[in-house]
Protein backbone atom coordinates (compact mmCIF):
# COMPACT_ATOMS: atom_id res chain seq x y z
CA UNK A 1 -42.86 -4.69 14.80
CA UNK A 2 -38.89 -3.41 14.33
CA UNK A 3 -35.80 -4.31 16.95
CA UNK A 4 -32.39 -2.14 16.47
CA UNK A 5 -29.39 -3.77 16.85
CA UNK A 6 -26.26 -2.30 17.44
CA UNK A 7 -23.90 -5.61 16.61
CA UNK A 8 -20.52 -4.44 16.54
CA UNK A 9 -19.02 -1.08 17.26
CA UNK A 10 -15.60 0.01 16.69
CA UNK A 11 -14.29 -3.69 16.77
CA UNK A 12 -10.52 -3.77 15.21
CA UNK A 13 -9.45 -7.13 13.62
CA UNK A 14 -11.75 -9.27 14.97
CA UNK A 15 -14.47 -10.06 17.63
CA UNK A 16 -18.06 -10.97 17.50
CA UNK A 17 -21.27 -9.48 18.83
CA UNK A 18 -23.57 -10.86 21.78
CA UNK A 19 -26.08 -13.24 19.87
CA UNK A 20 -29.34 -12.19 19.96
CA UNK A 21 -32.33 -14.60 19.61
CA UNK A 22 -35.04 -14.01 16.55
CA UNK A 23 -38.92 -14.14 16.31
CA UNK A 24 -40.41 -16.26 14.10
CA UNK A 25 -40.43 -15.24 10.29
CA UNK A 26 -38.01 -12.00 11.12
CA UNK A 27 -35.63 -10.35 8.48
CA UNK A 28 -32.38 -8.75 9.02
CA UNK A 29 -31.51 -5.40 7.31
CA UNK A 30 -27.64 -4.44 8.68
CA UNK A 31 -25.83 -1.45 7.35
CA UNK A 32 -22.23 -1.83 7.88
CA UNK A 33 -19.77 0.74 8.32
CA UNK A 34 -15.61 0.59 7.42
CA UNK A 35 -14.25 3.36 9.43
CA UNK A 36 -10.74 1.85 8.71
CA UNK A 37 -8.53 1.60 5.83
CA UNK A 38 -8.98 -1.86 5.61
CA UNK A 39 -10.98 -4.43 3.21
CA UNK A 40 -14.46 -5.83 5.12
CA UNK A 41 -14.93 -9.13 6.05
CA UNK A 42 -17.71 -9.71 8.04
CA UNK A 43 -20.25 -12.76 8.18
CA UNK A 44 -23.49 -13.09 10.10
CA UNK A 45 -24.12 -16.63 11.79
CA UNK A 46 -27.28 -18.19 12.97
CA UNK A 47 -28.13 -21.27 14.95
CA UNK A 48 -30.82 -23.12 13.81
CA UNK A 49 -31.22 -25.79 16.66
CA UNK A 50 -31.16 -24.82 20.51
CA UNK A 51 -29.88 -28.39 21.17
CA UNK A 52 -26.72 -27.58 18.83
CA UNK A 53 -23.80 -24.60 19.35
CA UNK A 54 -23.10 -24.75 15.62
CA UNK A 55 -23.45 -21.56 13.98
CA UNK A 56 -23.48 -21.33 10.26
CA UNK A 57 -22.74 -18.72 7.99
CA UNK A 58 -25.91 -17.24 6.34
CA UNK A 59 -26.73 -16.28 2.97
CA UNK A 60 -27.88 -12.24 2.62
CA UNK A 61 -28.67 -10.06 -0.10
CA UNK A 62 -26.51 -6.83 -0.77
CA UNK A 63 -29.57 -4.17 -1.43
CA UNK A 64 -27.07 -2.30 -3.80
CA UNK A 65 -26.63 -4.70 -6.46
CA UNK A 66 -29.66 -7.83 -5.23
CA UNK A 67 -26.85 -10.37 -5.55
CA UNK A 68 -26.25 -12.87 -2.80
CA UNK A 69 -23.52 -13.27 -0.93
CA UNK A 70 -22.31 -14.99 2.15
CA UNK A 71 -19.86 -11.93 3.75
CA UNK A 72 -20.10 -8.23 3.74
CA UNK A 73 -16.92 -6.96 1.69
CA UNK A 74 -18.18 -3.13 1.33
CA UNK A 75 -20.00 -0.57 3.35
CA UNK A 76 -23.84 -0.92 2.60
CA UNK A 77 -27.37 -2.68 3.23
CA UNK A 78 -27.68 -5.66 3.84
CA UNK A 79 -31.24 -8.09 4.07
CA UNK A 80 -30.96 -11.78 5.77
CA UNK A 81 -34.25 -13.69 6.18
CA UNK A 82 -34.40 -15.41 9.84
CA UNK A 83 -36.93 -18.13 8.61
CA UNK A 84 -35.85 -21.32 10.94
CA UNK A 85 -32.99 -18.95 13.29
CA UNK A 86 -33.31 -19.17 16.47
CA UNK A 87 -30.18 -16.86 17.31
CA UNK A 88 -27.89 -14.90 14.91
CA UNK A 89 -24.75 -12.76 15.81
CA UNK A 90 -22.43 -10.70 13.68
CA UNK A 91 -18.26 -12.04 13.02
CA UNK A 92 -15.34 -9.73 12.42
CA UNK A 93 -12.91 -11.88 10.70
CA UNK A 94 -9.79 -9.89 10.52
CA UNK A 95 -11.08 -6.31 9.00
CA UNK A 96 -8.27 -4.26 10.00
CA UNK A 97 -9.73 -0.89 11.06
CA UNK A 98 -13.05 -0.27 13.12
CA UNK A 99 -15.69 -1.56 11.97
CA UNK A 100 -19.51 -0.70 12.78
CA UNK A 101 -22.47 -2.79 12.04
CA UNK A 102 -26.14 -1.83 13.10
CA UNK A 103 -29.13 -3.80 12.13
CA UNK A 104 -33.16 -3.87 12.40
CA UNK A 105 -34.91 -7.13 12.62
CA UNK A 106 -38.56 -6.58 11.23
CA UNK A 107 -41.18 -9.06 12.68
CA UNK A 108 -44.37 -9.75 11.85
CA UNK A 109 -47.23 -8.40 13.78
């Protein structure tokens, strides 16, 4: 099953998405769009323990290069494995201009 999310919709300078709950064994594919002139600086953060509230930055794969990255610095597609992650959010770290991040969470059936 695929679940679609709009994480960031025209955020400017900074902001974070709402928190979304993850399915066990899911993966998340993101598409980032930079509608402004600044360099993208976007992170995906996850929470692995319901008793804690400290989100940590998640590594992701840049699908255009195959590189493992910790931040989205260019428009494109990225994949994040969500094994062991209970909640996820996307954070815009001071990108000047409008930023959009769409996501599709794919779950095992």
